[in-house]
Protein backbone atom coordinates (compact mmCIF):
# COMPACT_ATOMS: atom_id res chain seq x y z
CA MET A 1 -7.16 4.36 -11.49
CA ASP A 2 -4.79 1.78 -12.91
CA VAL A 3 -5.91 -1.81 -13.21
CA ALA A 4 -3.30 -4.46 -12.55
CA THR A 5 -3.12 -7.79 -14.34
CA ASP A 6 -4.97 -10.56 -12.54
CA GLN A 7 -2.90 -13.16 -10.72
CA VAL A 8 -3.58 -16.86 -10.45
CA ALA A 9 -2.37 -18.63 -7.34
CA SER A 10 -3.06 -21.72 -5.27
CA ALA A 11 -4.45 -21.05 -1.83
CA ARG A 12 -2.23 -21.77 1.13
CA PRO A 13 -2.73 -25.35 2.31
CA LYS A 14 -5.17 -25.46 5.20
CA PHE A 15 -4.37 -26.56 8.75
CA ASN A 16 -5.87 -30.05 8.90
CA CYS A 17 -7.36 -31.48 12.08
CA PRO A 18 -5.23 -34.50 13.13
CA ALA A 19 -8.36 -36.40 14.17
CA CYS A 20 -10.98 -35.90 11.43
CA GLY A 21 -9.08 -34.11 8.68
CA ALA A 22 -11.36 -31.05 8.67
CA GLU A 23 -9.94 -27.54 8.69
CA ALA A 24 -8.71 -26.25 12.03
CA ASN A 25 -9.39 -22.57 12.78
CA TRP A 26 -7.65 -20.18 15.14
CA ASN A 27 -9.61 -20.18 18.39
CA PRO A 28 -9.12 -16.92 20.35
CA GLY A 29 -10.50 -18.44 23.56
CA LYS A 30 -8.03 -21.32 23.64
CA GLN A 31 -5.26 -19.47 21.76
CA ALA A 32 -4.75 -22.49 19.53
CA LEU A 33 -5.86 -24.04 16.24
CA ILE A 34 -9.06 -25.98 17.03
CA CYS A 35 -11.24 -28.14 14.78
CA PRO A 36 -14.76 -26.62 14.75
CA PHE A 37 -16.27 -30.09 14.08
CA CYS A 38 -14.66 -32.46 16.59
CA GLY A 39 -12.93 -29.97 18.90
CA THR A 40 -9.47 -31.48 18.51
CA GLU A 41 -6.53 -29.13 19.04
CA SER A 42 -4.05 -29.04 16.17
CA PRO A 43 -0.40 -29.73 17.08
CA ALA A 44 0.79 -27.05 14.62
CA GLN A 45 3.38 -24.77 16.20
CA LEU A 46 2.80 -21.10 15.42
CA GLN A 47 5.43 -18.40 15.56
CA THR A 48 5.55 -16.42 18.77
CA ALA A 49 7.55 -13.49 20.04
CA ALA A 50 9.54 -15.78 22.32
CA GLY A 51 13.06 -16.95 21.71
CA GLY A 52 14.45 -13.53 20.95
CA THR A 53 12.44 -13.13 17.75
CA ALA A 54 12.53 -9.46 16.76
CA ILE A 55 9.74 -7.44 15.18
CA VAL A 56 11.54 -5.39 12.53
CA GLU A 57 11.20 -1.62 12.27
CA HIS A 58 11.90 -0.22 8.78
CA ASP A 59 13.53 3.13 8.02
CA LEU A 60 10.74 5.40 6.79
CA ALA A 61 12.84 7.83 4.73
CA ILE A 62 14.59 5.04 2.82
CA ALA A 63 11.29 3.24 2.18
CA LEU A 64 9.53 6.34 0.85
CA ARG A 65 12.41 7.12 -1.51
CA SER A 66 12.45 3.57 -2.85
CA ILE A 67 8.76 3.37 -3.79
CA PRO A 68 8.44 3.97 -7.56
CA ASP A 69 5.65 6.20 -8.82
CA THR A 70 3.94 3.17 -10.36
CA ALA A 71 3.65 1.59 -6.90
CA ARG A 72 2.22 4.61 -5.10
CA GLY A 73 -1.49 4.46 -4.31
CA TRP A 74 -3.81 1.50 -4.45
CA LYS A 75 -4.04 -0.56 -7.63
CA THR A 76 -7.28 -2.41 -8.23
CA ALA A 77 -6.61 -6.06 -8.92
CA THR A 78 -8.10 -9.49 -8.48
CA ILE A 79 -6.45 -12.79 -7.66
CA SER A 80 -7.94 -16.10 -8.74
CA VAL A 81 -7.19 -18.55 -5.95
CA ARG A 82 -7.55 -22.33 -6.29
CA CYS A 83 -8.96 -23.88 -3.11
CA GLN A 84 -6.82 -26.68 -1.66
CA SER A 85 -9.93 -28.53 -0.46
CA CYS A 86 -12.31 -28.66 -3.44
CA GLN A 87 -10.03 -27.23 -6.17
CA ALA A 88 -12.65 -24.62 -7.07
CA ILE A 89 -11.32 -21.21 -8.09
CA THR A 90 -12.46 -18.21 -6.06
CA VAL A 91 -11.83 -14.64 -7.18
CA PHE A 92 -10.46 -12.34 -4.46
CA ASP A 93 -10.80 -8.61 -4.75
CA ALA A 94 -7.94 -6.26 -3.96
CA GLN A 95 -9.18 -5.62 -0.44
CA GLN A 96 -8.69 -9.10 0.99
CA ILE A 97 -5.99 -11.69 1.38
CA GLY A 98 -8.22 -14.16 3.15
CA LYS A 99 -11.83 -15.36 3.16
CA ARG A 100 -13.77 -18.60 2.86
CA CYS A 101 -14.07 -20.54 -0.38
CA ASP A 102 -17.33 -19.63 -2.12
CA PHE A 103 -17.92 -23.31 -2.92
CA CYS A 104 -16.91 -25.47 0.05
CA GLY A 105 -16.48 -22.91 2.83
CA SER A 106 -12.84 -23.79 3.48
CA THR A 107 -10.57 -20.92 4.48
CA ALA A 108 -8.65 -19.67 1.45
CA LEU A 109 -5.67 -17.47 2.29
CA VAL A 110 -3.50 -15.97 -0.42
CA PRO A 111 -0.02 -17.43 0.16
CA TYR A 112 2.30 -14.92 1.82
CA GLU A 113 4.69 -14.91 -1.14
CA GLU A 114 1.85 -14.08 -3.55
CA VAL A 115 1.06 -10.74 -1.92
CA LYS A 116 2.73 -8.44 -4.43
CA GLU A 117 2.40 -5.04 -2.75
CA PRO A 118 5.60 -3.14 -1.91
CA PHE A 119 5.00 -3.99 1.78
CA ARG A 120 3.54 -7.14 3.28
CA PRO A 121 2.46 -7.64 6.90
CA GLU A 122 5.40 -9.03 8.84
CA SER A 123 3.74 -9.21 12.24
CA LEU A 124 0.28 -9.43 13.77
CA LEU A 125 -1.70 -9.43 16.99
CA PRO A 126 -3.45 -12.79 17.56
CA LEU A 127 -7.20 -12.52 18.15
CA LYS A 128 -7.89 -12.98 21.88
CA ILE A 129 -11.52 -11.92 22.35
CA SER A 130 -13.81 -14.81 21.39
CA GLU A 131 -17.06 -14.36 19.47
CA SER A 132 -19.11 -15.13 22.58
CA GLN A 133 -17.19 -12.48 24.52
CA ALA A 134 -17.68 -9.98 21.71
CA ARG A 135 -21.40 -10.72 21.62
CA ASP A 136 -21.65 -10.23 25.39
CA LEU A 137 -19.93 -6.85 25.07
CA ILE A 138 -22.25 -5.81 22.23
CA ARG A 139 -25.38 -6.96 24.10
CA ALA A 140 -24.30 -4.93 27.12
CA TRP A 141 -23.67 -1.95 24.85
CA TYR A 142 -27.13 -2.31 23.30
CA GLY A 143 -28.63 -2.32 26.80
CA ARG A 144 -26.93 0.98 27.68
CA GLN A 145 -28.40 2.85 24.71
CA TRP A 146 -31.50 4.03 26.56
CA LEU A 147 -31.99 7.01 24.23
CA ALA A 148 -32.30 4.65 21.24
CA PRO A 149 -35.65 3.37 19.94
CA ASN A 150 -37.10 0.50 21.98
CA ALA A 151 -36.94 -1.94 19.06
CA PHE A 152 -33.21 -1.24 18.72
CA ARG A 153 -32.25 -3.66 21.49
CA LEU A 154 -33.66 -6.61 19.55
CA LYS A 155 -30.78 -6.19 17.09
CA ALA A 156 -28.43 -7.80 19.59
CA ILE A 157 -30.12 -11.14 19.01
CA THR A 158 -30.32 -11.13 15.23
CA ASP A 159 -27.21 -9.36 13.90
CA THR A 160 -24.13 -11.10 12.56
CA VAL A 161 -20.75 -10.36 14.12
CA LYS A 162 -17.65 -11.09 12.06
CA GLY A 163 -13.98 -11.21 12.99
CA VAL A 164 -11.68 -9.23 10.71
CA TYR A 165 -7.93 -8.67 10.64
CA LEU A 166 -7.35 -5.06 9.61
CA PRO A 167 -4.12 -3.75 8.07
CA TYR A 168 -2.33 -1.09 10.11
CA TRP A 169 0.80 0.98 9.70
CA THR A 170 2.75 1.87 12.84
CA PHE A 171 5.20 4.77 12.99
CA ASP A 172 8.00 5.67 15.40
CA ALA A 173 9.82 8.99 15.58
CA GLN A 174 11.82 11.20 17.89
CA ALA A 175 10.35 14.71 17.86
CA ASP A 176 12.03 17.90 19.03
CA ALA A 177 9.70 20.90 19.18
CA ARG A 178 10.17 24.59 19.88
CA TRP A 179 7.14 26.65 20.72
CA THR A 180 6.15 30.26 21.24
CA ALA A 181 2.87 31.62 22.61
CA GLU A 182 1.26 34.37 24.59
CA SER A 183 0.74 33.27 28.17
CA GLY A 184 -2.34 34.64 29.93
CA THR A 185 -2.79 35.15 33.67
CA TYR A 186 -6.23 35.89 35.08
CA TYR A 187 -6.88 38.81 37.39
CA TYR A 188 -10.09 40.49 38.58
CA VAL A 189 -11.26 44.09 38.80
CA ARG A 190 -14.46 45.62 40.14
CA GLU A 191 -16.71 47.04 37.43
CA GLY A 192 -20.29 48.10 38.08
CA GLY A 193 -20.24 46.45 41.49
CA LYS A 194 -19.17 43.05 40.09
CA ASN A 195 -15.88 41.17 39.81
CA VAL A 196 -14.86 41.08 36.15
CA ARG A 197 -12.14 38.72 34.97
CA LYS A 198 -9.32 40.16 32.88
CA VAL A 199 -6.26 38.55 31.27
CA GLN A 200 -2.71 39.82 31.40
CA TRP A 201 -0.75 38.60 28.36
CA ARG A 202 3.00 37.95 28.32
CA PRO A 203 5.26 36.33 25.68
CA ALA A 204 6.40 32.77 26.44
CA ALA A 205 8.61 30.22 24.71
CA GLY A 206 10.07 26.80 25.31
CA GLU A 207 11.01 23.45 23.82
CA LEU A 208 10.35 19.79 24.47
CA ALA A 209 11.33 16.36 23.20
CA HIS A 210 8.89 13.49 22.73
CA ALA A 211 9.32 9.91 21.49
CA PHE A 212 6.47 8.48 19.42
CA ASP A 213 6.19 4.70 19.60
CA ASP A 214 3.87 2.79 17.29
CA ASP A 215 1.63 5.67 16.28
CA LEU A 216 -1.22 3.83 14.53
CA VAL A 217 -2.77 4.50 11.13
CA CYS A 218 -5.42 2.06 9.93
CA ALA A 219 -5.00 1.17 6.26
CA SER A 220 -8.62 0.05 5.79
CA VAL A 221 -11.40 2.32 4.52
CA GLY A 222 -14.26 -0.07 5.23
CA VAL A 223 -14.54 0.66 8.95
CA ASP A 224 -15.50 4.03 10.38
CA ALA A 225 -12.19 5.72 11.27
CA SER A 226 -13.62 7.54 14.30
CA ARG A 227 -14.87 4.24 15.72
CA LEU A 228 -11.43 2.67 15.32
CA ARG A 229 -9.73 5.56 17.09
CA ARG A 230 -12.04 5.01 20.06
CA ILE A 231 -11.00 1.34 20.47
CA GLU A 232 -7.29 2.01 20.05
CA PRO A 233 -4.58 1.55 21.08
CA PHE A 234 -3.76 -2.03 20.18
CA PRO A 235 -1.07 -3.53 22.45
CA THR A 236 1.68 -3.60 19.82
CA SER A 237 4.17 -4.81 22.43
CA SER A 238 2.40 -8.19 22.02
CA LEU A 239 3.04 -8.47 18.26
CA VAL A 240 4.15 -11.87 16.96
CA PRO A 241 5.85 -12.66 13.62
CA PHE A 242 3.46 -13.27 10.73
CA ASP A 243 2.08 -16.80 10.74
CA ALA A 244 -0.88 -17.85 8.57
CA GLY A 245 -2.18 -20.10 11.35
CA TYR A 246 -3.42 -17.12 13.33
CA LEU A 247 -5.53 -16.08 10.32
CA SER A 248 -7.09 -19.49 9.69
CA GLY A 249 -10.87 -19.09 9.55
CA TRP A 250 -10.88 -15.28 9.61
CA ILE A 251 -11.35 -12.45 7.11
CA VAL A 252 -8.11 -10.62 6.33
CA GLU A 253 -7.99 -7.25 4.54
CA ARG A 254 -5.18 -5.88 2.43
CA TYR A 255 -4.14 -2.27 2.89
CA GLN A 256 -6.05 0.35 0.92
CA ILE A 257 -4.10 3.33 2.28
CA ASP A 258 -0.51 3.07 1.11
CA LEU A 259 2.65 3.96 3.02
CA VAL A 260 2.90 7.44 1.52
CA ALA A 261 -0.61 8.48 2.56
CA ALA A 262 -0.30 6.71 5.93
CA ALA A 263 2.99 8.50 6.70
CA GLN A 264 1.30 11.84 5.98
CA ARG A 265 -1.57 10.99 8.32
CA SER A 266 0.81 9.87 11.03
CA ARG A 267 2.83 13.08 10.73
CA GLN A 268 -0.35 15.13 11.18
CA GLN A 269 -1.33 13.02 14.22
CA MET A 270 2.11 13.57 15.72
CA LEU A 271 1.92 17.33 15.09
CA ASN A 272 -1.49 17.44 16.77
CA THR A 273 -0.07 15.59 19.78
CA LEU A 274 2.94 17.91 19.94
CA ARG A 275 0.68 20.92 19.85
CA GLU A 276 -1.30 19.57 22.81
CA LEU A 277 1.91 18.81 24.73
CA CYS A 278 3.35 22.25 24.00
CA GLY A 279 0.08 23.88 25.06
CA LYS A 280 0.44 22.21 28.46
CA GLU A 281 3.92 23.68 28.78
CA VAL A 282 2.72 27.28 28.45
CA PRO A 283 2.68 28.87 31.92
CA GLY A 284 -0.26 30.80 33.31
CA ASP A 285 -3.98 30.20 33.17
CA THR A 286 -4.54 30.27 29.41
CA TYR A 287 -2.70 30.93 26.16
CA ARG A 288 -3.16 32.13 22.61
CA ASN A 289 -1.23 32.30 19.33
CA LEU A 290 0.60 29.05 19.99
CA SER A 291 3.18 28.28 17.29
CA VAL A 292 5.05 24.96 17.17
CA ASP A 293 8.14 24.22 15.05
CA ALA A 294 8.99 20.50 15.11
CA THR A 295 11.73 18.33 13.64
CA PHE A 296 11.54 14.54 13.38
CA THR A 297 14.39 12.03 13.42
CA GLY A 298 14.73 8.27 13.68
CA GLN A 299 11.54 7.68 11.73
CA THR A 300 10.61 4.01 11.30
CA PHE A 301 7.50 2.01 10.43
CA LYS A 302 5.93 -1.45 10.43
CA HIS A 303 3.04 -3.01 8.53
CA ILE A 304 0.93 -5.18 10.85
CA LEU A 305 -2.45 -6.90 11.12
CA ALA A 306 -4.76 -6.18 14.07
CA PRO A 307 -8.03 -8.03 14.84
CA ILE A 308 -11.46 -6.54 15.45
CA TRP A 309 -15.01 -7.80 15.76
CA LEU A 310 -17.28 -5.88 13.42
CA LEU A 311 -21.06 -5.54 13.47
CA THR A 312 -22.66 -3.59 10.62
CA TYR A 313 -26.43 -3.19 10.78
CA VAL A 314 -29.16 -1.19 9.08
CA TYR A 315 -31.84 0.55 11.11
CA GLY A 316 -34.39 2.50 9.14
CA ALA A 317 -32.63 4.00 6.14
CA ARG A 318 -29.18 4.29 7.72
CA SER A 319 -26.23 1.95 8.25
CA TYR A 320 -24.42 1.76 11.61
CA GLN A 321 -21.29 0.03 12.88
CA VAL A 322 -20.19 -1.43 16.20
CA VAL A 323 -16.49 -2.25 16.56
CA VAL A 324 -14.76 -4.32 19.26
CA ASN A 325 -10.98 -4.45 19.73
CA GLY A 326 -10.14 -8.13 19.23
CA VAL A 327 -7.30 -8.00 21.76
CA THR A 328 -8.40 -5.67 24.56
CA GLY A 329 -12.21 -5.78 24.24
CA ALA A 330 -12.54 -1.99 23.97
CA MET A 331 -15.59 -1.10 21.89
CA SER A 332 -17.36 1.75 20.17
CA GLY A 333 -20.59 1.91 18.23
CA SER A 334 -23.07 4.17 16.50
CA ARG A 335 -26.81 3.89 16.93
CA PRO A 336 -30.09 5.64 16.04
CA TRP A 337 -31.77 8.09 18.38
CA SER A 338 -35.33 8.07 19.63
CA TRP A 339 -36.31 11.69 19.18
CA ILE A 340 -39.25 11.17 21.51
CA LYS A 341 -36.89 10.13 24.33
CA VAL A 342 -34.43 12.91 23.49
CA SER A 343 -37.23 15.47 23.54
CA LEU A 344 -38.42 14.22 26.92
CA VAL A 345 -34.89 14.48 28.36
CA VAL A 346 -34.50 18.02 27.02
CA LEU A 347 -37.89 18.96 28.42
CA ALA A 348 -37.02 17.50 31.83
CA ALA A 349 -33.69 19.38 31.85
CA LEU A 350 -35.48 22.62 30.98
CA ILE A 351 -37.99 22.12 33.79
CA LEU A 352 -35.19 21.47 36.29
CA PHE A 353 -33.37 24.59 35.09
CA LEU A 354 -36.49 26.75 35.52
CA ILE A 355 -37.07 25.31 39.01
CA PHE A 356 -33.45 26.11 39.93
CA VAL A 357 -33.78 29.68 38.63
CA TYR A 358 -37.06 30.16 40.50
CA LEU A 359 -35.59 28.86 43.79
CA ASP A 360 -32.45 30.95 43.32
CA ASN A 361 -34.48 34.14 42.87
CA SER A 362 -37.03 33.44 45.60
């Protein structure tokens, strides 16, 4: 893996509270910059989607052709950022463009113009779910895990929840697909005194058109991908132009999956969707040997930031994650199992099954 030359930059000036001069942070509950010390709302005007402001879609084919080989893939790098509050220098790794100063705690965001990747986030979804709301959702989720160990529920009180802006790629495309398959129709015959189901197979073919809008590919590798898929989609129709004020006080990750790899993932996701759609088009009761031939046109993309609440905890020897969509509140989590409880449930199900069989034969 190539190692890029370190950069040295001054952090973006913070959003000062007009009353006490402390740093104002983006408050998802009030949808404004609020001072965490005196509660004063900052008069700073952040960019919104109003006023005819357009969120730009970029041509995917042109972008892929223009990326030089030296810019493909992730380059490990660090950026030394001088804090605007205490002037201390904090070293950022290549996975973040925002965190708190290691010395004074002030938010230190890499200035937008210092992000040197081929693509920078041009739009984002402001965080709307507050920390208290996220904690309520997680506590309720803990309470529903009745097959987890009893001590597991205590984690809801002690664990740390952090807000993170994750990098995402979105892809649009118009797909035209032709499909062929064998369509099966059920029929029944009497064999040995019983009705036996058979299938009559016939050739079938068709075509369909489908428009993909903002197919999402997360560009972070730090959060379990299956968990993220369960809290998607993000309401990309609510995107606003990039404004550092929305990120004030929050962790911001840089993309670790580049456009080339993300485009490949998106194409596979689209093909999987087309296959499901084509399968629904096959007449009859079932099908087999489905073959789909698809062409894609009008392919565009965006690079955006989307907020989540993330809880990572260790129980026993394993690490688990709980993820909350920072806009919609959808959530997904992993947890340990109590094998005693699981065994009791299996045993109870087996007893019920045996009782049912006994009653059915009596």
